[in-house]
Amino acid sequence: MDKETALNILYFLLTPIPWIAVYYAFDRASKKFSTAEFAGFLYVVFAVGVILGLWIQGLE
């Protein structure tokens, strides 16, 4: 994976709008998907984004 692709993934992961849209889609589809589970999911996504960001800085 080159640096530009990694940056694009990072920007997507750290943009909250897609994840808010995903949350509302799950919320409408099923009430089983709790807010706490979604917050945990976002935390994992953010952690992956931070790790990817540090990895990109290492490439420079």
N, C-alpha and C. Protein backbone atom coordinates (compact mmCIF):
# COMPACT_ATOMS: atom_id res chain seq x y z
N MET A 1 0.85 -1.19 0.00
CA MET A 1 0.00 0.00 0.00
C MET A 1 0.89 1.24 0.00
N ASP A 2 0.63 2.12 -0.94
CA ASP A 2 1.44 3.34 -1.01
C ASP A 2 0.90 4.39 -0.04
N LYS A 3 1.67 5.45 0.09
CA LYS A 3 1.35 6.49 1.08
C LYS A 3 0.02 7.18 0.78
N GLU A 4 -0.25 7.46 -0.48
CA GLU A 4 -1.48 8.18 -0.84
C GLU A 4 -2.72 7.36 -0.50
N THR A 5 -2.69 6.05 -0.79
CA THR A 5 -3.81 5.17 -0.45
C THR A 5 -4.02 5.12 1.05
N ALA A 6 -2.93 5.03 1.80
CA ALA A 6 -3.01 4.99 3.26
C ALA A 6 -3.61 6.28 3.81
N LEU A 7 -3.23 7.41 3.24
CA LEU A 7 -3.79 8.70 3.68
C LEU A 7 -5.28 8.77 3.39
N ASN A 8 -5.70 8.28 2.23
CA ASN A 8 -7.13 8.29 1.89
C ASN A 8 -7.92 7.45 2.87
N ILE A 9 -7.40 6.28 3.23
CA ILE A 9 -8.07 5.42 4.22
C ILE A 9 -8.13 6.13 5.57
N LEU A 10 -7.04 6.77 5.94
CA LEU A 10 -6.98 7.48 7.23
C LEU A 10 -8.03 8.59 7.28
N TYR A 11 -8.11 9.39 6.23
CA TYR A 11 -9.09 10.48 6.21
C TYR A 11 -10.51 9.94 6.29
N PHE A 12 -10.77 8.81 5.60
CA PHE A 12 -12.11 8.23 5.66
C PHE A 12 -12.43 7.74 7.07
N LEU A 13 -11.47 7.08 7.71
CA LEU A 13 -11.70 6.53 9.05
C LEU A 13 -11.94 7.63 10.08
N LEU A 14 -11.25 8.76 9.91
CA LEU A 14 -11.34 9.81 10.92
C LEU A 14 -12.44 10.82 10.64
N THR A 15 -13.17 10.63 9.52
CA THR A 15 -14.29 11.51 9.22
C THR A 15 -15.53 10.95 9.89
N PRO A 16 -16.16 11.69 10.80
CA PRO A 16 -17.28 11.11 11.55
C PRO A 16 -18.56 10.92 10.75
N ILE A 17 -18.75 11.67 9.66
CA ILE A 17 -20.02 11.63 8.95
C ILE A 17 -20.39 10.24 8.43
N PRO A 18 -19.45 9.49 7.78
CA PRO A 18 -19.83 8.14 7.33
C PRO A 18 -20.24 7.24 8.50
N TRP A 19 -19.58 7.39 9.64
CA TRP A 19 -19.89 6.52 10.77
C TRP A 19 -21.22 6.91 11.42
N ILE A 20 -21.56 8.20 11.40
CA ILE A 20 -22.89 8.63 11.87
C ILE A 20 -23.96 8.04 10.95
N ALA A 21 -23.69 8.06 9.65
CA ALA A 21 -24.64 7.49 8.69
C ALA A 21 -24.79 5.98 8.91
N VAL A 22 -23.67 5.30 9.15
CA VAL A 22 -23.69 3.86 9.43
C VAL A 22 -24.51 3.59 10.70
N TYR A 23 -24.30 4.41 11.72
CA TYR A 23 -25.03 4.25 12.98
C TYR A 23 -26.54 4.38 12.75
N TYR A 24 -26.95 5.40 12.04
CA TYR A 24 -28.39 5.60 11.81
C TYR A 24 -28.97 4.48 10.96
N ALA A 25 -28.18 3.97 10.01
CA ALA A 25 -28.66 2.84 9.19
C ALA A 25 -28.88 1.62 10.07
N PHE A 26 -27.92 1.32 10.95
CA PHE A 26 -28.08 0.19 11.88
C PHE A 26 -29.23 0.45 12.85
N ASP A 27 -29.36 1.69 13.31
CA ASP A 27 -30.40 2.04 14.26
C ASP A 27 -31.78 1.83 13.66
N ARG A 28 -31.95 2.20 12.39
CA ARG A 28 -33.24 2.02 11.73
C ARG A 28 -33.49 0.53 11.44
N ALA A 29 -32.43 -0.20 11.09
CA ALA A 29 -32.58 -1.60 10.71
C ALA A 29 -32.84 -2.49 11.93
N SER A 30 -32.19 -2.19 13.04
CA SER A 30 -32.29 -3.05 14.20
C SER A 30 -32.06 -2.26 15.48
N LYS A 31 -32.95 -2.44 16.42
CA LYS A 31 -32.79 -1.75 17.70
C LYS A 31 -31.85 -2.51 18.63
N LYS A 32 -31.30 -3.63 18.15
CA LYS A 32 -30.38 -4.43 18.97
C LYS A 32 -28.99 -3.79 19.06
N PHE A 33 -28.72 -2.88 18.14
CA PHE A 33 -27.39 -2.25 18.05
C PHE A 33 -27.35 -1.06 19.01
N SER A 34 -26.76 -1.28 20.19
CA SER A 34 -26.82 -0.24 21.23
C SER A 34 -25.80 0.87 21.00
N THR A 35 -26.03 2.00 21.64
CA THR A 35 -25.13 3.15 21.53
C THR A 35 -23.76 2.80 22.09
N ALA A 36 -23.72 2.03 23.18
CA ALA A 36 -22.44 1.64 23.78
C ALA A 36 -21.62 0.78 22.82
N GLU A 37 -22.27 -0.14 22.14
CA GLU A 37 -21.57 -0.98 21.16
C GLU A 37 -21.03 -0.12 20.02
N PHE A 38 -21.82 0.85 19.59
CA PHE A 38 -21.39 1.73 18.50
C PHE A 38 -20.20 2.58 18.94
N ALA A 39 -20.24 3.07 20.19
CA ALA A 39 -19.12 3.87 20.71
C ALA A 39 -17.85 3.02 20.76
N GLY A 40 -17.99 1.77 21.17
CA GLY A 40 -16.84 0.86 21.18
C GLY A 40 -16.30 0.63 19.78
N PHE A 41 -17.22 0.47 18.83
CA PHE A 41 -16.82 0.30 17.44
C PHE A 41 -16.07 1.53 16.93
N LEU A 42 -16.59 2.71 17.25
CA LEU A 42 -15.92 3.95 16.83
C LEU A 42 -14.54 4.07 17.46
N TYR A 43 -14.42 3.64 18.72
CA TYR A 43 -13.13 3.70 19.41
C TYR A 43 -12.11 2.83 18.68
N VAL A 44 -12.53 1.64 18.26
CA VAL A 44 -11.64 0.74 17.52
C VAL A 44 -11.24 1.36 16.19
N VAL A 45 -12.22 1.94 15.48
CA VAL A 45 -11.94 2.58 14.19
C VAL A 45 -10.95 3.74 14.37
N PHE A 46 -11.16 4.54 15.43
CA PHE A 46 -10.27 5.67 15.69
C PHE A 46 -8.86 5.18 16.03
N ALA A 47 -8.77 4.10 16.83
CA ALA A 47 -7.47 3.55 17.19
C ALA A 47 -6.73 3.05 15.94
N VAL A 48 -7.44 2.38 15.06
CA VAL A 48 -6.84 1.92 13.80
C VAL A 48 -6.36 3.12 12.98
N GLY A 49 -7.16 4.20 12.97
CA GLY A 49 -6.78 5.41 12.25
C GLY A 49 -5.52 6.04 12.81
N VAL A 50 -5.41 6.06 14.15
CA VAL A 50 -4.21 6.62 14.78
C VAL A 50 -2.99 5.78 14.45
N ILE A 51 -3.13 4.45 14.52
CA ILE A 51 -2.01 3.55 14.19
C ILE A 51 -1.59 3.75 12.74
N LEU A 52 -2.60 3.85 11.84
CA LEU A 52 -2.29 4.07 10.42
C LEU A 52 -1.59 5.41 10.23
N GLY A 53 -2.04 6.43 10.96
CA GLY A 53 -1.40 7.75 10.86
C GLY A 53 0.05 7.72 11.30
N LEU A 54 0.32 7.02 12.41
CA LEU A 54 1.70 6.89 12.89
C LEU A 54 2.55 6.11 11.89
N TRP A 55 1.94 5.09 11.26
CA TRP A 55 2.66 4.30 10.26
C TRP A 55 3.01 5.18 9.06
N ILE A 56 2.07 6.04 8.64
CA ILE A 56 2.32 6.95 7.50
C ILE A 56 3.47 7.90 7.84
N GLN A 57 3.48 8.42 9.08
CA GLN A 57 4.56 9.31 9.48
C GLN A 57 5.90 8.57 9.45
N GLY A 58 5.88 7.30 9.76
CA GLY A 58 7.09 6.49 9.71
C GLY A 58 7.60 6.31 8.28
N LEU A 59 6.68 6.39 7.30
CA LEU A 59 7.08 6.22 5.89
C LEU A 59 7.79 7.46 5.36
N GLU A 60 7.51 8.60 5.97
CA GLU A 60 8.08 9.85 5.44
C GLU A 60 9.57 9.94 5.72
